[in-house]
Amino acid sequence: MSLKIGIVGLPNVGKSTLFNALTKKNVPAENYPFCTIDPSVGIVPVPDERLTKLSEISKSKKTIPAVVEFVDIAGLVKGASEGAGLGNKFLSHIREVDAIIEVVRIFEDKQMIHVHDKIDPMFDIEVINMELELANIKKPTLYVLNTSAIADPLAFGTPPSQGEIDGRSGDFLSKIPGPYLIVDPIFGTGLDHLIKAGYDLLNLITFFTTGEDESRAWTTLRGATAPFAGKSIHTDFQQKFIRAEVVSYEQLIQAGSFTKAREKGWVRTEGKEYIVKDGDVIEFLI
């Protein structure tokens, strides 16, 4: 199953900068509203050391990670739900995603225009959430607090300290209506956590298939049965499911191969009712 996350927020809060950092894709990030009119889309691999190790022990020819699709959606403004700032077009893009990353700017920079001429994170959150509510958009949301000190990283030699971050954040952190992450897209701080947080936001887990041809990470819902998880690979794995051979990632690594794990009795035969766990390594039989 695919995972599509939209990056939203007011103009000039760092959405495209964050998108560029995540995808290493050069979309415009100029200092004025509505620079990105059409959504830019980037496919980002989910970092997972387990997949690398599985590929090593299987001597796989290919290693294919799970991916997240990020959509950079141009800035929303107050009144977007009524069409302000091309709002209707942008809101339609948001309706197409599975979850929302709402970027909130918590840094001061006189060189970078703020659409409200002030840095007030809670006010920004309230504006965006009100427009989403008026547009009847209710998806899972992760708040990303952008701590970037300036637009030009060459003029700033080191990442901000935790004390500086706390100082910018103020006491509004306790008021944020949901999960949040502190990210600095210029220095790349927190990006891996952000990708993984998208999984948690949508209650997703990763399972693996591995062999000489390829080792691959797959995505399914937490609590999914083996046939349901199998359809992430091919619909036949759900419709024609007979059984699955399952071993945990930890046991497979300890054994050193699927064959040795089977000799130790660690490979289990599971039926249609089996609930797939994060980190399961599975061979589906149809």
Protein backbone atom coordinates (compact mmCIF):
# COMPACT_ATOMS: atom_id res chain seq x y z
CA MET A 1 0.00 0.00 0.00
CA SER A 2 1.19 3.51 -0.77
CA LEU A 3 1.56 6.33 1.71
CA LYS A 4 0.99 9.91 0.55
CA ILE A 5 1.63 12.82 2.91
CA GLY A 6 0.86 16.45 2.08
CA ILE A 7 3.06 19.25 3.40
CA VAL A 8 0.90 22.27 4.23
CA GLY A 9 1.18 25.58 6.04
CA LEU A 10 1.10 29.33 5.56
CA PRO A 11 3.30 30.89 2.86
CA ASN A 12 7.00 31.26 3.68
CA VAL A 13 7.12 28.91 6.67
CA GLY A 14 9.56 26.48 5.05
CA LYS A 15 7.33 23.93 3.31
CA SER A 16 9.35 23.76 0.10
CA THR A 17 12.62 23.90 2.02
CA LEU A 18 11.47 20.89 4.02
CA PHE A 19 10.29 19.13 0.86
CA ASN A 20 13.64 19.78 -0.81
CA ALA A 21 15.49 18.42 2.20
CA LEU A 22 13.33 15.28 2.30
CA THR A 23 13.42 14.54 -1.40
CA LYS A 24 16.65 16.29 -2.43
CA LYS A 25 14.52 17.68 -5.23
CA ASN A 26 15.00 21.28 -6.29
CA VAL A 27 11.56 22.91 -6.25
CA PRO A 28 11.25 26.69 -5.92
CA ALA A 29 11.54 28.06 -2.39
CA GLU A 30 11.65 31.80 -3.06
CA ASN A 31 10.65 34.39 -0.51
CA TYR A 32 7.11 35.16 -1.68
CA PRO A 33 3.70 33.49 -1.41
CA PHE A 34 2.26 31.09 -4.00
CA CYS A 35 5.62 30.34 -5.62
CA THR A 36 4.64 26.66 -5.87
CA ILE A 37 1.25 26.69 -7.58
CA ASP A 38 1.10 23.05 -8.64
CA PRO A 39 2.00 20.41 -6.07
CA SER A 40 5.45 18.91 -6.35
CA VAL A 41 5.68 15.22 -5.57
CA GLY A 42 8.71 13.32 -4.29
CA ILE A 43 9.19 9.66 -3.46
CA VAL A 44 11.29 9.17 -0.33
CA PRO A 45 12.64 5.80 0.90
CA VAL A 46 11.82 4.90 4.49
CA PRO A 47 15.11 4.53 6.38
CA ASP A 48 15.31 1.04 7.90
CA GLU A 49 18.58 -0.65 8.86
CA ARG A 50 16.80 -3.98 9.09
CA LEU A 51 16.35 -4.12 5.33
CA THR A 52 20.07 -3.58 4.73
CA LYS A 53 20.99 -6.44 7.05
CA LEU A 54 18.44 -8.78 5.48
CA SER A 55 19.84 -8.00 2.06
CA GLU A 56 23.35 -8.79 3.30
CA ILE A 57 22.52 -12.21 4.74
CA SER A 58 20.45 -13.15 1.67
CA LYS A 59 23.10 -11.77 -0.72
CA SER A 60 20.23 -10.10 -2.56
CA LYS A 61 20.76 -8.67 -6.03
CA LYS A 62 18.33 -5.82 -5.27
CA THR A 63 17.30 -3.99 -2.11
CA ILE A 64 13.98 -2.16 -2.31
CA PRO A 65 12.83 -0.01 0.62
CA ALA A 66 9.30 1.02 1.49
CA VAL A 67 8.57 4.55 0.32
CA VAL A 68 6.59 7.61 1.34
CA GLU A 69 5.19 10.00 -1.25
CA PHE A 70 5.48 13.62 -0.11
CA VAL A 71 3.40 16.32 -1.80
CA ASP A 72 4.53 19.94 -1.47
CA ILE A 73 1.30 21.96 -1.45
CA ALA A 74 1.48 25.73 -1.97
CA GLY A 75 0.79 28.01 0.99
CA LEU A 76 -2.69 28.36 2.41
CA VAL A 77 -3.95 31.68 3.76
CA LYS A 78 -6.88 32.86 5.83
CA GLY A 79 -9.97 32.55 3.67
CA ALA A 80 -8.58 29.67 1.59
CA SER A 81 -11.78 27.67 2.11
CA GLU A 82 -13.63 30.51 0.35
CA GLY A 83 -11.14 30.72 -2.50
CA ALA A 84 -8.60 33.22 -1.15
CA GLY A 85 -5.07 32.79 -2.49
CA LEU A 86 -6.11 30.08 -4.96
CA GLY A 87 -7.24 28.22 -1.87
CA ASN A 88 -9.79 25.95 -3.52
CA LYS A 89 -7.16 24.50 -5.84
CA PHE A 90 -4.72 23.87 -3.01
CA LEU A 91 -7.37 22.38 -0.75
CA SER A 92 -8.28 19.91 -3.47
CA HIS A 93 -4.66 18.71 -3.43
CA ILE A 94 -4.86 18.17 0.33
CA ARG A 95 -7.95 15.97 -0.08
CA GLU A 96 -5.87 13.54 -2.15
CA VAL A 97 -3.33 12.72 0.60
CA ASP A 98 -3.50 10.20 3.45
CA ALA A 99 -2.06 12.48 6.13
CA ILE A 100 -0.90 16.04 6.65
CA ILE A 101 2.38 17.53 7.82
CA GLU A 102 1.58 21.04 8.99
CA VAL A 103 4.74 23.18 8.94
CA VAL A 104 4.85 25.93 11.57
CA ARG A 105 7.58 28.57 11.58
CA ILE A 106 9.08 29.33 14.99
CA PHE A 107 12.15 31.31 13.91
CA GLU A 108 12.60 35.05 13.45
CA ASP A 109 14.19 36.31 10.23
CA LYS A 110 13.66 39.90 9.07
CA GLN A 111 14.81 38.90 5.60
CA MET A 112 11.98 36.39 5.25
CA ILE A 113 8.51 37.81 4.97
CA HIS A 114 5.79 36.30 7.15
CA VAL A 115 2.33 36.58 5.67
CA HIS A 116 0.99 38.00 8.97
CA ASP A 117 4.09 40.12 9.69
CA LYS A 118 4.60 38.36 13.01
CA ILE A 119 5.85 35.04 14.40
CA ASP A 120 2.95 33.55 16.34
CA PRO A 121 2.96 29.74 15.95
CA MET A 122 -0.37 29.11 17.66
CA PHE A 123 -2.10 31.77 15.58
CA ASP A 124 -0.66 30.14 12.42
CA ILE A 125 -1.92 26.72 13.55
CA GLU A 126 -5.37 28.11 14.30
CA VAL A 127 -5.59 29.77 10.86
CA ILE A 128 -4.64 26.61 8.97
CA ASN A 129 -6.81 24.32 11.07
CA MET A 130 -9.80 26.61 10.71
CA GLU A 131 -9.46 26.62 6.92
CA LEU A 132 -9.16 22.82 6.87
CA GLU A 133 -12.20 22.50 9.12
CA LEU A 134 -14.25 24.90 7.00
CA ALA A 135 -13.29 22.85 3.95
CA ASN A 136 -14.39 19.70 5.83
CA ILE A 137 -10.91 18.17 5.68
CA LYS A 138 -10.21 15.91 8.65
CA LYS A 139 -7.04 13.74 8.15
CA PRO A 140 -4.31 12.68 10.60
CA THR A 141 -1.91 15.67 11.23
CA LEU A 142 1.68 15.89 12.38
CA TYR A 143 2.92 19.36 13.33
CA VAL A 144 6.47 20.13 12.22
CA LEU A 145 8.08 23.06 13.99
CA ASN A 146 10.61 24.67 11.67
CA THR A 147 13.54 26.01 13.69
CA SER A 148 15.65 27.18 10.73
CA ALA A 149 17.52 30.29 11.81
CA ILE A 150 18.01 31.79 8.36
CA ALA A 151 17.45 31.02 4.71
CA ASP A 152 21.17 30.80 3.83
CA PRO A 153 22.98 27.93 5.61
CA LEU A 154 26.39 29.26 4.53
CA ALA A 155 25.97 32.22 6.85
CA PHE A 156 25.24 30.04 9.85
CA GLY A 157 28.03 27.67 10.77
CA THR A 158 26.39 25.27 13.22
CA PRO A 159 22.88 23.98 13.94
CA PRO A 160 20.99 25.81 16.70
CA SER A 161 21.43 24.47 20.21
CA GLN A 162 18.58 22.87 22.13
CA GLY A 163 18.47 25.99 24.30
CA GLU A 164 17.96 28.16 21.22
CA ILE A 165 15.23 25.83 20.00
CA ASP A 166 13.48 25.90 23.36
CA GLY A 167 13.75 29.69 23.40
CA ARG A 168 12.07 29.98 20.01
CA SER A 169 9.42 27.44 20.89
CA GLY A 170 8.26 29.26 24.00
CA ASP A 171 5.46 27.75 26.05
CA PHE A 172 3.16 27.07 23.11
CA LEU A 173 4.40 23.46 22.77
CA SER A 174 1.94 22.31 25.42
CA LYS A 175 -0.90 23.89 23.42
CA ILE A 176 -0.26 22.06 20.14
CA PRO A 177 -3.37 19.92 19.39
CA GLY A 178 -1.58 16.72 18.38
CA PRO A 179 1.81 15.02 17.81
CA TYR A 180 4.70 17.27 16.74
CA LEU A 181 8.36 17.14 15.75
CA ILE A 182 11.03 19.83 15.87
CA VAL A 183 12.88 19.91 12.54
CA ASP A 184 15.60 22.03 10.96
CA PRO A 185 15.38 21.33 7.21
CA ILE A 186 18.53 23.38 6.46
CA PHE A 187 20.71 21.16 8.64
CA GLY A 188 18.60 18.04 8.11
CA THR A 189 17.83 17.65 11.81
CA GLY A 190 14.91 15.33 12.47
CA LEU A 191 14.22 14.26 8.87
CA ASP A 192 14.50 10.49 9.47
CA HIS A 193 12.21 10.84 12.48
CA LEU A 194 9.76 12.73 10.30
CA ILE A 195 9.53 9.93 7.74
CA LYS A 196 9.02 7.30 10.44
CA ALA A 197 6.49 9.52 12.21
CA GLY A 198 4.38 9.41 9.07
CA TYR A 199 4.10 5.65 9.54
CA ASP A 200 3.08 6.03 13.16
CA LEU A 201 0.56 8.72 12.24
CA LEU A 202 -1.29 6.31 9.95
CA ASN A 203 -0.78 3.25 12.18
CA LEU A 204 1.36 1.45 9.63
CA ILE A 205 4.02 -1.23 10.07
CA THR A 206 6.75 -2.76 7.92
CA PHE A 207 7.21 -6.42 7.02
CA PHE A 208 9.85 -7.93 4.75
CA THR A 209 10.43 -10.45 2.02
CA THR A 210 13.98 -11.56 1.34
CA GLY A 211 15.86 -13.84 -1.01
CA GLU A 212 18.66 -13.97 -3.53
CA ASP A 213 16.74 -11.95 -6.12
CA GLU A 214 15.71 -9.14 -3.77
CA SER A 215 15.09 -8.03 -0.21
CA ARG A 216 12.15 -5.68 0.10
CA ALA A 217 10.24 -3.75 2.73
CA TRP A 218 6.45 -3.64 2.51
CA THR A 219 3.85 -1.52 4.25
CA THR A 220 0.58 -2.63 5.81
CA LEU A 221 -1.82 -1.52 8.52
CA ARG A 222 -1.06 -2.45 12.11
CA GLY A 223 -3.37 -5.34 13.00
CA ALA A 224 -3.58 -6.62 9.41
CA THR A 225 -4.02 -10.34 8.79
CA ALA A 226 -1.50 -12.17 6.62
CA PRO A 227 -3.76 -12.22 3.51
CA PHE A 228 -4.49 -8.49 3.85
CA ALA A 229 -0.78 -7.72 4.23
CA GLY A 230 -0.03 -9.96 1.27
CA LYS A 231 -2.07 -7.81 -1.09
CA SER A 232 0.60 -5.12 -0.70
CA ILE A 233 2.72 -7.46 -2.82
CA HIS A 234 0.03 -8.79 -5.18
CA THR A 235 -3.74 -9.19 -5.02
CA ASP A 236 -3.27 -12.95 -5.56
CA PHE A 237 -1.59 -13.15 -2.17
CA GLN A 238 -4.87 -12.10 -0.58
CA GLN A 239 -7.32 -13.87 -2.87
CA LYS A 240 -5.44 -17.17 -3.21
CA PHE A 241 -3.72 -17.23 0.17
CA ILE A 242 -3.00 -20.72 1.54
CA ARG A 243 -0.47 -20.10 4.28
CA ALA A 244 2.57 -18.04 5.18
CA GLU A 245 5.95 -18.99 6.58
CA VAL A 246 6.98 -16.37 9.11
CA VAL A 247 10.09 -15.63 11.15
CA SER A 248 10.87 -12.51 13.14
CA TYR A 249 13.62 -10.24 11.86
CA GLU A 250 15.64 -10.72 15.06
CA GLN A 251 15.54 -14.51 14.85
CA LEU A 252 16.42 -14.53 11.16
CA ILE A 253 19.46 -12.32 11.75
CA GLN A 254 20.52 -14.49 14.66
CA ALA A 255 20.18 -17.66 12.57
CA GLY A 256 21.98 -16.16 9.60
CA SER A 257 19.67 -17.53 6.91
CA PHE A 258 16.09 -18.68 6.32
CA THR A 259 17.30 -22.27 6.07
CA LYS A 260 19.08 -22.16 9.43
CA ALA A 261 16.13 -20.40 11.04
CA ARG A 262 13.91 -23.24 9.80
CA GLU A 263 16.33 -25.83 11.22
CA LYS A 264 16.08 -24.12 14.62
CA GLY A 265 12.30 -24.27 14.47
CA TRP A 266 11.97 -20.49 14.34
CA VAL A 267 10.07 -20.40 11.03
CA ARG A 268 6.36 -20.74 11.78
CA THR A 269 3.55 -21.75 9.45
CA GLU A 270 0.67 -19.32 9.87
CA GLY A 271 -2.84 -19.28 8.44
CA LYS A 272 -5.38 -16.69 7.35
CA GLU A 273 -6.00 -15.37 10.86
CA TYR A 274 -2.37 -14.54 11.63
CA ILE A 275 -1.81 -10.89 12.59
CA VAL A 276 1.36 -9.58 10.94
CA LYS A 277 3.85 -7.91 13.29
CA ASP A 278 6.31 -5.15 12.54
CA GLY A 279 9.56 -6.74 11.43
CA ASP A 280 8.08 -10.06 10.31
CA VAL A 281 9.91 -11.73 7.42
CA ILE A 282 7.33 -13.62 5.38
CA GLU A 283 7.13 -16.13 2.53
CA PHE A 284 3.59 -16.27 1.14
CA LEU A 285 2.29 -19.53 -0.32
CA ILE A 286 -0.62 -19.51 -2.77
